[in-house]
Structures are given as C-alpha cells and as structure tokens.
Amino acid sequence: MVAIVVTFEIHPGKEAEIIAALKGNATGSRSEPGCYKWEWSRHLEDPLKFAIYELYENKEAIKAHKASVHFAEWLGQIDGVIASKSAGQYDVTGADPQPVPAV
C-alpha cells in the first residue's frame, strides 16, 4: 500500500472554497478502484491549515487518481486558494489492523 500525505495552508477568506473542493475530491477519490481511504482534516488551532491522508493499493492506483476528471477539477478549484503545500508518498510498512470508526 501507498499513502499520500498532504498538508497545506489556505489564503484567509478561502475557507468555503477549500471545503467545497475537498468534499468534491473526496467523493471522486473514494469511488476509485484501488483507493482504500481518502480523508481530510482541519487543524485544531489554525483554521487555515488542512491535511489530506490518502491510502491506495499501489502506485498504479495513484496514477489513475491523478489522471481522473475530478482530480483535474480539484486542481482548478484550488488555484489561488492554497498559499503553501507539502506532499509526499509513503510505503505503508506499519499498517494498523484495527478498524477505524466512521466519522
């Protein structure tokens, strides 16, 4: 499995735009074959900071995700919204076997 971890900060006043974009990207991503998890979080103390955690079967599933229509829409929606971003792909080597409750 491969995890993608993204952290980013948005420009002030762009909260509604990023939340709508995140919801759309989440819906599209969760329906993709090979996507096991796609969740986003908002920082507890700084409402302009967000994180995305994605879990995919393999790198091919990530390539398909990045080639999807909804991912292209996401890129268009975040243009001018995100002030800074950091992202990386990780080999999941210590997976937790416990089920996570639905939010």
PDB file of N, CA and C in Angstrom:
ATOM      1  N   MET A   1       0.835  -1.184   0.000  1.00  0.00           N
ATOM      2  CA  MET A   1       0.000   0.000   0.000  1.00  0.00           C
ATOM      3  C   MET A   1       0.876   1.242   0.000  1.00  0.00           C
ATOM      4  N   VAL A   2       0.297   2.298  -0.567  1.00  0.00           N
ATOM      5  CA  VAL A   2       0.993   3.571  -0.630  1.00  0.00           C
ATOM      6  C   VAL A   2       0.092   4.644  -0.027  1.00  0.00           C
ATOM      7  N   ALA A   3       0.657   5.434   0.881  1.00  0.00           N
ATOM      8  CA  ALA A   3      -0.063   6.551   1.481  1.00  0.00           C
ATOM      9  C   ALA A   3       0.426   7.852   0.860  1.00  0.00           C
ATOM     10  N   ILE A   4      -0.497   8.762   0.688  1.00  0.00           N
ATOM     11  CA  ILE A   4      -0.159  10.129   0.296  1.00  0.00           C
ATOM     12  C   ILE A   4      -0.559  11.018   1.455  1.00  0.00           C
ATOM     13  N   VAL A   5       0.371  11.849   1.889  1.00  0.00           N
ATOM     14  CA  VAL A   5       0.108  12.794   2.971  1.00  0.00           C
ATOM     15  C   VAL A   5       0.339  14.194   2.414  1.00  0.00           C
ATOM     16  N   VAL A   6      -0.689  15.023   2.509  1.00  0.00           N
ATOM     17  CA  VAL A   6      -0.620  16.394   2.010  1.00  0.00           C
ATOM     18  C   VAL A   6      -0.989  17.331   3.154  1.00  0.00           C
ATOM     19  N   THR A   7      -0.187  18.337   3.369  1.00  0.00           N
ATOM     20  CA  THR A   7      -0.543  19.397   4.309  1.00  0.00           C
ATOM     21  C   THR A   7      -0.489  20.709   3.537  1.00  0.00           C
ATOM     22  N   PHE A   8      -1.422  21.598   3.854  1.00  0.00           N
ATOM     23  CA  PHE A   8      -1.424  22.877   3.160  1.00  0.00           C
ATOM     24  C   PHE A   8      -2.087  23.945   3.996  1.00  0.00           C
ATOM     25  N   GLU A   9      -1.778  25.177   3.631  1.00  0.00           N
ATOM     26  CA  GLU A   9      -2.386  26.343   4.262  1.00  0.00           C
ATOM     27  C   GLU A   9      -3.080  27.141   3.171  1.00  0.00           C
ATOM     28  N   ILE A  10      -4.272  27.646   3.479  1.00  0.00           N
ATOM     29  CA  ILE A  10      -5.025  28.415   2.501  1.00  0.00           C
ATOM     30  C   ILE A  10      -4.915  29.911   2.797  1.00  0.00           C
ATOM     31  N   HIS A  11      -5.271  30.699   1.799  1.00  0.00           N
ATOM     32  CA  HIS A  11      -5.342  32.142   1.986  1.00  0.00           C
ATOM     33  C   HIS A  11      -6.564  32.476   2.841  1.00  0.00           C
ATOM     34  N   PRO A  12      -6.471  33.480   3.698  1.00  0.00           N
ATOM     35  CA  PRO A  12      -7.635  33.887   4.505  1.00  0.00           C
ATOM     36  C   PRO A  12      -8.831  34.207   3.611  1.00  0.00           C
ATOM     37  N   GLY A  13     -10.005  33.833   4.090  1.00  0.00           N
ATOM     38  CA  GLY A  13     -11.230  34.095   3.347  1.00  0.00           C
ATOM     39  C   GLY A  13     -11.589  33.042   2.317  1.00  0.00           C
ATOM     40  N   LYS A  14     -10.778  31.998   2.204  1.00  0.00           N
ATOM     41  CA  LYS A  14     -10.996  30.952   1.199  1.00  0.00           C
ATOM     42  C   LYS A  14     -11.521  29.649   1.814  1.00  0.00           C
ATOM     43  N   GLU A  15     -11.993  29.722   3.061  1.00  0.00           N
ATOM     44  CA  GLU A  15     -12.426  28.505   3.764  1.00  0.00           C
ATOM     45  C   GLU A  15     -13.562  27.784   3.042  1.00  0.00           C
ATOM     46  N   ALA A  16     -14.596  28.489   2.638  1.00  0.00           N
ATOM     47  CA  ALA A  16     -15.735  27.849   1.970  1.00  0.00           C
ATOM     48  C   ALA A  16     -15.311  27.194   0.658  1.00  0.00           C
ATOM     49  N   GLU A  17     -14.432  27.855  -0.069  1.00  0.00           N
ATOM     50  CA  GLU A  17     -13.966  27.314  -1.354  1.00  0.00           C
ATOM     51  C   GLU A  17     -13.174  26.016  -1.159  1.00  0.00           C
ATOM     52  N   ILE A  18     -12.273  25.992  -0.171  1.00  0.00           N
ATOM     53  CA  ILE A  18     -11.457  24.790   0.005  1.00  0.00           C
ATOM     54  C   ILE A  18     -12.299  23.633   0.528  1.00  0.00           C
ATOM     55  N   ILE A  19     -13.251  23.920   1.399  1.00  0.00           N
ATOM     56  CA  ILE A  19     -14.085  22.843   1.930  1.00  0.00           C
ATOM     57  C   ILE A  19     -14.939  22.233   0.818  1.00  0.00           C
ATOM     58  N   ALA A  20     -15.491  23.057  -0.053  1.00  0.00           N
ATOM     59  CA  ALA A  20     -16.261  22.529  -1.192  1.00  0.00           C
ATOM     60  C   ALA A  20     -15.365  21.698  -2.105  1.00  0.00           C
ATOM     61  N   ALA A  21     -14.155  22.176  -2.365  1.00  0.00           N
ATOM     62  CA  ALA A  21     -13.217  21.443  -3.227  1.00  0.00           C
ATOM     63  C   ALA A  21     -12.804  20.122  -2.586  1.00  0.00           C
ATOM     64  N   LEU A  22     -12.543  20.132  -1.282  1.00  0.00           N
ATOM     65  CA  LEU A  22     -12.169  18.905  -0.575  1.00  0.00           C
ATOM     66  C   LEU A  22     -13.296  17.877  -0.624  1.00  0.00           C
ATOM     67  N   LYS A  23     -14.523  18.326  -0.420  1.00  0.00           N
ATOM     68  CA  LYS A  23     -15.660  17.399  -0.460  1.00  0.00           C
ATOM     69  C   LYS A  23     -15.800  16.770  -1.841  1.00  0.00           C
ATOM     70  N   GLY A  24     -15.637  17.553  -2.885  1.00  0.00           N
ATOM     71  CA  GLY A  24     -15.717  17.019  -4.245  1.00  0.00           C
ATOM     72  C   GLY A  24     -14.607  16.037  -4.555  1.00  0.00           C
ATOM     73  N   ASN A  25     -13.390  16.367  -4.154  1.00  0.00           N
ATOM     74  CA  ASN A  25     -12.252  15.474  -4.393  1.00  0.00           C
ATOM     75  C   ASN A  25     -12.412  14.189  -3.593  1.00  0.00           C
ATOM     76  N   ALA A  26     -12.903  14.311  -2.371  1.00  0.00           N
ATOM     77  CA  ALA A  26     -13.110  13.118  -1.543  1.00  0.00           C
ATOM     78  C   ALA A  26     -14.126  12.178  -2.179  1.00  0.00           C
ATOM     79  N   THR A  27     -15.246  12.719  -2.637  1.00  0.00           N
ATOM     80  CA  THR A  27     -16.284  11.890  -3.249  1.00  0.00           C
ATOM     81  C   THR A  27     -15.748  11.147  -4.470  1.00  0.00           C
ATOM     82  N   GLY A  28     -15.049  11.859  -5.332  1.00  0.00           N
ATOM     83  CA  GLY A  28     -14.489  11.221  -6.526  1.00  0.00           C
ATOM     84  C   GLY A  28     -13.416  10.204  -6.197  1.00  0.00           C
ATOM     85  N   SER A  29     -12.550  10.539  -5.276  1.00  0.00           N
ATOM     86  CA  SER A  29     -11.431   9.653  -4.931  1.00  0.00           C
ATOM     87  C   SER A  29     -11.909   8.374  -4.273  1.00  0.00           C
ATOM     88  N   ARG A  30     -12.860   8.479  -3.370  1.00  0.00           N
ATOM     89  CA  ARG A  30     -13.342   7.302  -2.636  1.00  0.00           C
ATOM     90  C   ARG A  30     -14.029   6.283  -3.537  1.00  0.00           C
ATOM     91  N   SER A  31     -14.481   6.713  -4.698  1.00  0.00           N
ATOM     92  CA  SER A  31     -15.144   5.786  -5.623  1.00  0.00           C
ATOM     93  C   SER A  31     -14.170   5.109  -6.588  1.00  0.00           C
ATOM     94  N   GLU A  32     -12.906   5.466  -6.538  1.00  0.00           N
ATOM     95  CA  GLU A  32     -11.907   4.897  -7.453  1.00  0.00           C
ATOM     96  C   GLU A  32     -11.478   3.494  -7.014  1.00  0.00           C
ATOM     97  N   PRO A  33     -11.324   2.582  -7.974  1.00  0.00           N
ATOM     98  CA  PRO A  33     -10.744   1.283  -7.616  1.00  0.00           C
ATOM     99  C   PRO A  33      -9.320   1.502  -7.109  1.00  0.00           C
ATOM    100  N   GLY A  34      -8.950   0.831  -6.059  1.00  0.00           N
ATOM    101  CA  GLY A  34      -7.601   0.949  -5.522  1.00  0.00           C
ATOM    102  C   GLY A  34      -7.438   2.032  -4.481  1.00  0.00           C
ATOM    103  N   CYS A  35      -8.486   2.836  -4.231  1.00  0.00           N
ATOM    104  CA  CYS A  35      -8.426   3.843  -3.168  1.00  0.00           C
ATOM    105  C   CYS A  35      -9.072   3.241  -1.932  1.00  0.00           C
ATOM    106  N   TYR A  36      -8.279   3.045  -0.886  1.00  0.00           N
ATOM    107  CA  TYR A  36      -8.783   2.435   0.354  1.00  0.00           C
ATOM    108  C   TYR A  36      -9.253   3.474   1.364  1.00  0.00           C
ATOM    109  N   LYS A  37      -8.680   4.671   1.294  1.00  0.00           N
ATOM    110  CA  LYS A  37      -9.037   5.719   2.263  1.00  0.00           C
ATOM    111  C   LYS A  37      -8.708   7.067   1.652  1.00  0.00           C
ATOM    112  N   TRP A  38      -9.580   8.024   1.903  1.00  0.00           N
ATOM    113  CA  TRP A  38      -9.340   9.414   1.490  1.00  0.00           C
ATOM    114  C   TRP A  38     -10.044  10.278   2.509  1.00  0.00           C
ATOM    115  N   GLU A  39      -9.262  10.938   3.354  1.00  0.00           N
ATOM    116  CA  GLU A  39      -9.860  11.771   4.387  1.00  0.00           C
ATOM    117  C   GLU A  39      -9.098  13.074   4.520  1.00  0.00           C
ATOM    118  N   TRP A  40      -9.808  14.088   4.978  1.00  0.00           N
ATOM    119  CA  TRP A  40      -9.178  15.380   5.190  1.00  0.00           C
ATOM    120  C   TRP A  40      -9.495  15.873   6.586  1.00  0.00           C
ATOM    121  N   SER A  41      -8.597  16.705   7.071  1.00  0.00           N
ATOM    122  CA  SER A  41      -8.709  17.233   8.425  1.00  0.00           C
ATOM    123  C   SER A  41      -8.388  18.717   8.420  1.00  0.00           C
ATOM    124  N   ARG A  42      -8.942  19.399   9.414  1.00  0.00           N
ATOM    125  CA  ARG A  42      -8.646  20.815   9.606  1.00  0.00           C
ATOM    126  C   ARG A  42      -7.927  20.969  10.936  1.00  0.00           C
ATOM    127  N   HIS A  43      -6.881  21.755  10.938  1.00  0.00           N
ATOM    128  CA  HIS A  43      -6.058  21.965  12.125  1.00  0.00           C
ATOM    129  C   HIS A  43      -6.906  22.479  13.284  1.00  0.00           C
ATOM    130  N   LEU A  44      -6.669  21.974  14.470  1.00  0.00           N
ATOM    131  CA  LEU A  44      -7.455  22.355  15.643  1.00  0.00           C
ATOM    132  C   LEU A  44      -7.225  23.796  16.085  1.00  0.00           C
ATOM    133  N   GLU A  45      -6.016  24.292  15.900  1.00  0.00           N
ATOM    134  CA  GLU A  45      -5.690  25.626  16.397  1.00  0.00           C
ATOM    135  C   GLU A  45      -5.521  26.679  15.309  1.00  0.00           C
ATOM    136  N   ASP A  46      -5.359  26.256  14.077  1.00  0.00           N
ATOM    137  CA  ASP A  46      -5.182  27.194  12.965  1.00  0.00           C
ATOM    138  C   ASP A  46      -6.139  26.801  11.850  1.00  0.00           C
ATOM    139  N   PRO A  47      -7.282  27.464  11.728  1.00  0.00           N
ATOM    140  CA  PRO A  47      -8.296  27.065  10.756  1.00  0.00           C
ATOM    141  C   PRO A  47      -7.903  27.253   9.295  1.00  0.00           C
ATOM    142  N   LEU A  48      -6.744  27.836   9.039  1.00  0.00           N
ATOM    143  CA  LEU A  48      -6.271  27.977   7.660  1.00  0.00           C
ATOM    144  C   LEU A  48      -5.405  26.793   7.234  1.00  0.00           C
ATOM    145  N   LYS A  49      -5.130  25.859   8.144  1.00  0.00           N
ATOM    146  CA  LYS A  49      -4.284  24.701   7.836  1.00  0.00           C
ATOM    147  C   LYS A  49      -5.138  23.440   7.726  1.00  0.00           C
ATOM    148  N   PHE A  50      -4.818  22.635   6.712  1.00  0.00           N
ATOM    149  CA  PHE A  50      -5.543  21.398   6.433  1.00  0.00           C
ATOM    150  C   PHE A  50      -4.553  20.272   6.153  1.00  0.00           C
ATOM    151  N   ALA A  51      -5.053  19.045   6.233  1.00  0.00           N
ATOM    152  CA  ALA A  51      -4.263  17.867   5.889  1.00  0.00           C
ATOM    153  C   ALA A  51      -5.156  16.879   5.142  1.00  0.00           C
ATOM    154  N   ILE A  52      -4.565  16.176   4.196  1.00  0.00           N
ATOM    155  CA  ILE A  52      -5.250  15.109   3.471  1.00  0.00           C
ATOM    156  C   ILE A  52      -4.441  13.836   3.670  1.00  0.00           C
ATOM    157  N   TYR A  53      -5.146  12.736   3.954  1.00  0.00           N
ATOM    158  CA  TYR A  53      -4.495  11.426   4.064  1.00  0.00           C
ATOM    159  C   TYR A  53      -5.200  10.492   3.090  1.00  0.00           C
ATOM    160  N   GLU A  54      -4.415   9.927   2.166  1.00  0.00           N
ATOM    161  CA  GLU A  54      -4.952   9.036   1.147  1.00  0.00           C
ATOM    162  C   GLU A  54      -4.220   7.699   1.226  1.00  0.00           C
ATOM    163  N   LEU A  55      -4.937   6.625   1.017  1.00  0.00           N
ATOM    164  CA  LEU A  55      -4.343   5.293   1.059  1.00  0.00           C
ATOM    165  C   LEU A  55      -4.756   4.543  -0.201  1.00  0.00           C
ATOM    166  N   TYR A  56      -3.767   4.105  -0.977  1.00  0.00           N
ATOM    167  CA  TYR A  56      -4.013   3.438  -2.257  1.00  0.00           C
ATOM    168  C   TYR A  56      -3.370   2.051  -2.287  1.00  0.00           C
ATOM    169  N   GLU A  57      -3.929   1.223  -3.133  1.00  0.00           N
ATOM    170  CA  GLU A  57      -3.432  -0.140  -3.289  1.00  0.00           C
ATOM    171  C   GLU A  57      -1.986  -0.154  -3.774  1.00  0.00           C
ATOM    172  N   ASN A  58      -1.666   0.719  -4.740  1.00  0.00           N
ATOM    173  CA  ASN A  58      -0.322   0.738  -5.325  1.00  0.00           C
ATOM    174  C   ASN A  58      -0.126   2.037  -6.119  1.00  0.00           C
ATOM    175  N   LYS A  59       1.042   2.178  -6.715  1.00  0.00           N
ATOM    176  CA  LYS A  59       1.353   3.391  -7.477  1.00  0.00           C
ATOM    177  C   LYS A  59       0.479   3.524  -8.721  1.00  0.00           C
ATOM    178  N   GLU A  60       0.058   2.407  -9.287  1.00  0.00           N
ATOM    179  CA  GLU A  60      -0.815   2.461 -10.459  1.00  0.00           C
ATOM    180  C   GLU A  60      -2.159   3.092 -10.106  1.00  0.00           C
ATOM    181  N   ALA A  61      -2.667   2.782  -8.920  1.00  0.00           N
ATOM    182  CA  ALA A  61      -3.925   3.389  -8.471  1.00  0.00           C
ATOM    183  C   ALA A  61      -3.754   4.901  -8.282  1.00  0.00           C
ATOM    184  N   ILE A  62      -2.581   5.328  -7.835  1.00  0.00           N
ATOM    185  CA  ILE A  62      -2.311   6.763  -7.683  1.00  0.00           C
ATOM    186  C   ILE A  62      -2.251   7.432  -9.051  1.00  0.00           C
ATOM    187  N   LYS A  63      -1.622   6.772 -10.019  1.00  0.00           N
ATOM    188  CA  LYS A  63      -1.568   7.322 -11.379  1.00  0.00           C
ATOM    189  C   LYS A  63      -2.973   7.493 -11.943  1.00  0.00           C
ATOM    190  N   ALA A  64      -3.832   6.503 -11.731  1.00  0.00           N
ATOM    191  CA  ALA A  64      -5.213   6.593 -12.207  1.00  0.00           C
ATOM    192  C   ALA A  64      -5.937   7.745 -11.509  1.00  0.00           C
ATOM    193  N   HIS A  65      -5.690   7.907 -10.231  1.00  0.00           N
ATOM    194  CA  HIS A  65      -6.299   9.003  -9.472  1.00  0.00           C
ATOM    195  C   HIS A  65      -5.894  10.350 -10.063  1.00  0.00           C
ATOM    196  N   LYS A  66      -4.619  10.516 -10.327  1.00  0.00           N
ATOM    197  CA  LYS A  66      -4.126  11.792 -10.844  1.00  0.00           C
ATOM    198  C   LYS A  66      -4.573  12.054 -12.283  1.00  0.00           C
ATOM    199  N   ALA A  67      -5.000  11.005 -12.995  1.00  0.00           N
ATOM    200  CA  ALA A  67      -5.495  11.157 -14.358  1.00  0.00           C
ATOM    201  C   ALA A  67      -7.016  11.338 -14.413  1.00  0.00           C
ATOM    202  N   SER A  68      -7.671  11.325 -13.264  1.00  0.00           N
ATOM    203  CA  SER A  68      -9.132  11.385 -13.220  1.00  0.00           C
ATOM    204  C   SER A  68      -9.659  12.796 -13.485  1.00  0.00           C
ATOM    205  N   VAL A  69     -10.901  12.854 -13.914  1.00  0.00           N
ATOM    206  CA  VAL A  69     -11.566  14.127 -14.162  1.00  0.00           C
ATOM    207  C   VAL A  69     -11.697  14.928 -12.874  1.00  0.00           C
ATOM    208  N   HIS A  70     -12.092  14.265 -11.800  1.00  0.00           N
ATOM    209  CA  HIS A  70     -12.286  15.007 -10.549  1.00  0.00           C
ATOM    210  C   HIS A  70     -10.978  15.561 -10.000  1.00  0.00           C
ATOM    211  N   PHE A  71      -9.845  14.899 -10.253  1.00  0.00           N
ATOM    212  CA  PHE A  71      -8.559  15.438  -9.809  1.00  0.00           C
ATOM    213  C   PHE A  71      -8.218  16.701 -10.605  1.00  0.00           C
ATOM    214  N   ALA A  72      -8.496  16.693 -11.911  1.00  0.00           N
ATOM    215  CA  ALA A  72      -8.275  17.889 -12.730  1.00  0.00           C
ATOM    216  C   ALA A  72      -9.168  19.032 -12.248  1.00  0.00           C
ATOM    217  N   GLU A  73     -10.409  18.712 -11.883  1.00  0.00           N
ATOM    218  CA  GLU A  73     -11.306  19.726 -11.336  1.00  0.00           C
ATOM    219  C   GLU A  73     -10.756  20.278 -10.024  1.00  0.00           C
ATOM    220  N   TRP A  74     -10.240  19.392  -9.163  1.00  0.00           N
ATOM    221  CA  TRP A  74      -9.631  19.797  -7.894  1.00  0.00           C
ATOM    222  C   TRP A  74      -8.509  20.802  -8.138  1.00  0.00           C
ATOM    223  N   LEU A  75      -7.643  20.505  -9.089  1.00  0.00           N
ATOM    224  CA  LEU A  75      -6.521  21.407  -9.366  1.00  0.00           C
ATOM    225  C   LEU A  75      -7.016  22.786  -9.779  1.00  0.00           C
ATOM    226  N   GLY A  76      -8.087  22.820 -10.572  1.00  0.00           N
ATOM    227  CA  GLY A  76      -8.657  24.102 -10.969  1.00  0.00           C
ATOM    228  C   GLY A  76      -9.295  24.834  -9.805  1.00  0.00           C
ATOM    229  N   GLN A  77      -9.920  24.099  -8.910  1.00  0.00           N
ATOM    230  CA  GLN A  77     -10.600  24.710  -7.764  1.00  0.00           C
ATOM    231  C   GLN A  77      -9.629  25.279  -6.735  1.00  0.00           C
ATOM    232  N   ILE A  78      -8.457  24.695  -6.611  1.00  0.00           N
ATOM    233  CA  ILE A  78      -7.521  25.155  -5.574  1.00  0.00           C
ATOM    234  C   ILE A  78      -6.583  26.255  -6.060  1.00  0.00           C
ATOM    235  N   ASP A  79      -6.612  26.552  -7.353  1.00  0.00           N
ATOM    236  CA  ASP A  79      -5.763  27.603  -7.894  1.00  0.00           C
ATOM    237  C   ASP A  79      -6.126  28.932  -7.231  1.00  0.00           C
ATOM    238  N   GLY A  80      -5.186  29.563  -6.581  1.00  0.00           N
ATOM    239  CA  GLY A  80      -5.414  30.822  -5.897  1.00  0.00           C
ATOM    240  C   GLY A  80      -5.994  30.681  -4.493  1.00  0.00           C
ATOM    241  N   VAL A  81      -6.244  29.442  -4.068  1.00  0.00           N
ATOM    242  CA  VAL A  81      -6.812  29.189  -2.740  1.00  0.00           C
ATOM    243  C   VAL A  81      -5.720  28.757  -1.764  1.00  0.00           C
ATOM    244  N   ILE A  82      -4.823  27.898  -2.228  1.00  0.00           N
ATOM    245  CA  ILE A  82      -3.773  27.351  -1.370  1.00  0.00           C
ATOM    246  C   ILE A  82      -2.557  28.269  -1.379  1.00  0.00           C
ATOM    247  N   ALA A  83      -2.122  28.665  -0.177  1.00  0.00           N
ATOM    248  CA  ALA A  83      -0.968  29.555  -0.030  1.00  0.00           C
ATOM    249  C   ALA A  83       0.341  28.775  -0.035  1.00  0.00           C
ATOM    250  N   SER A  84       0.348  27.590   0.619  1.00  0.00           N
ATOM    251  CA  SER A  84       1.551  26.752   0.653  1.00  0.00           C
ATOM    252  C   SER A  84       1.124  25.301   0.812  1.00  0.00           C
ATOM    253  N   LYS A  85       1.961  24.393   0.308  1.00  0.00           N
ATOM    254  CA  LYS A  85       1.601  22.972   0.322  1.00  0.00           C
ATOM    255  C   LYS A  85       2.852  22.111   0.420  1.00  0.00           C
ATOM    256  N   SER A  86       2.709  20.985   1.122  1.00  0.00           N
ATOM    257  CA  SER A  86       3.751  19.965   1.202  1.00  0.00           C
ATOM    258  C   SER A  86       3.076  18.615   1.005  1.00  0.00           C
ATOM    259  N   ALA A  87       3.687  17.746   0.188  1.00  0.00           N
ATOM    260  CA  ALA A  87       3.085  16.438  -0.081  1.00  0.00           C
ATOM    261  C   ALA A  87       4.171  15.394  -0.260  1.00  0.00           C
ATOM    262  N   GLY A  88       3.815  14.141   0.042  1.00  0.00           N
ATOM    263  CA  GLY A  88       4.743  13.044  -0.167  1.00  0.00           C
ATOM    264  C   GLY A  88       4.007  11.720  -0.255  1.00  0.00           C
ATOM    265  N   GLN A  89       4.666  10.748  -0.889  1.00  0.00           N
ATOM    266  CA  GLN A  89       4.133   9.390  -0.988  1.00  0.00           C
ATOM    267  C   GLN A  89       4.982   8.485  -0.099  1.00  0.00           C
ATOM    268  N   TYR A  90       4.298   7.577   0.608  1.00  0.00           N
ATOM    269  CA  TYR A  90       4.961   6.728   1.595  1.00  0.00           C
ATOM    270  C   TYR A  90       4.549   5.280   1.420  1.00  0.00           C
ATOM    271  N   ASP A  91       5.512   4.376   1.557  1.00  0.00           N
ATOM    272  CA  ASP A  91       5.243   2.941   1.576  1.00  0.00           C
ATOM    273  C   ASP A  91       4.700   2.603   2.963  1.00  0.00           C
ATOM    274  N   VAL A  92       3.492   2.061   3.019  1.00  0.00           N
ATOM    275  CA  VAL A  92       2.876   1.748   4.306  1.00  0.00           C
ATOM    276  C   VAL A  92       3.509   0.459   4.828  1.00  0.00           C
ATOM    277  N   THR A  93       4.295   0.596   5.875  1.00  0.00           N
ATOM    278  CA  THR A  93       5.011  -0.564   6.416  1.00  0.00           C
ATOM    279  C   THR A  93       4.543  -0.947   7.812  1.00  0.00           C
ATOM    280  N   GLY A  94       3.750  -0.120   8.442  1.00  0.00           N
ATOM    281  CA  GLY A  94       3.279  -0.408   9.797  1.00  0.00           C
ATOM    282  C   GLY A  94       1.778  -0.203   9.892  1.00  0.00           C
ATOM    283  N   ALA A  95       1.031  -0.832   8.991  1.00  0.00           N
ATOM    284  CA  ALA A  95      -0.426  -0.637   8.954  1.00  0.00           C
ATOM    285  C   ALA A  95      -1.081  -1.092  10.237  1.00  0.00           C
ATOM    286  N   ASP A  96      -2.042  -0.319  10.696  1.00  0.00           N
ATOM    287  CA  ASP A  96      -2.808  -0.648  11.908  1.00  0.00           C
ATOM    288  C   ASP A  96      -3.953  -1.592  11.518  1.00  0.00           C
ATOM    289  N   PRO A  97      -4.031  -2.763  12.124  1.00  0.00           N
ATOM    290  CA  PRO A  97      -5.085  -3.721  11.758  1.00  0.00           C
ATOM    291  C   PRO A  97      -6.456  -3.387  12.343  1.00  0.00           C
ATOM    292  N   GLN A  98      -6.515  -2.405  13.227  1.00  0.00           N
ATOM    293  CA  GLN A  98      -7.789  -2.061  13.863  1.00  0.00           C
ATOM    294  C   GLN A  98      -8.675  -1.265  12.903  1.00  0.00           C
ATOM    295  N   PRO A  99      -9.964  -1.569  12.880  1.00  0.00           N
ATOM    296  CA  PRO A  99     -10.862  -0.768  12.051  1.00  0.00           C
ATOM    297  C   PRO A  99     -11.022   0.631  12.641  1.00  0.00           C
ATOM    298  N   VAL A 100     -11.177   1.598  11.783  1.00  0.00           N
ATOM    299  CA  VAL A 100     -11.357   2.969  12.212  1.00  0.00           C
ATOM    300  C   VAL A 100     -12.850   3.283  12.157  1.00  0.00           C
ATOM    301  N   PRO A 101     -13.404   3.843  13.220  1.00  0.00           N
ATOM    302  CA  PRO A 101     -14.835   4.178  13.176  1.00  0.00           C
ATOM    303  C   PRO A 101     -15.121   5.243  12.136  1.00  0.00           C
ATOM    304  N   ALA A 102     -16.272   5.162  11.508  1.00  0.00           N
ATOM    305  CA  ALA A 102     -16.678   6.163  10.524  1.00  0.00           C
ATOM    306  C   ALA A 102     -16.954   7.485  11.227  1.00  0.00           C
ATOM    307  N   VAL A 103     -16.630   8.557  10.555  1.00  0.00           N
ATOM    308  CA  VAL A 103     -16.851   9.892  11.127  1.00  0.00           C
ATOM    309  C   VAL A 103     -18.214  10.383  10.735  1.00  0.00           C
TER     310      VAL A 103
END
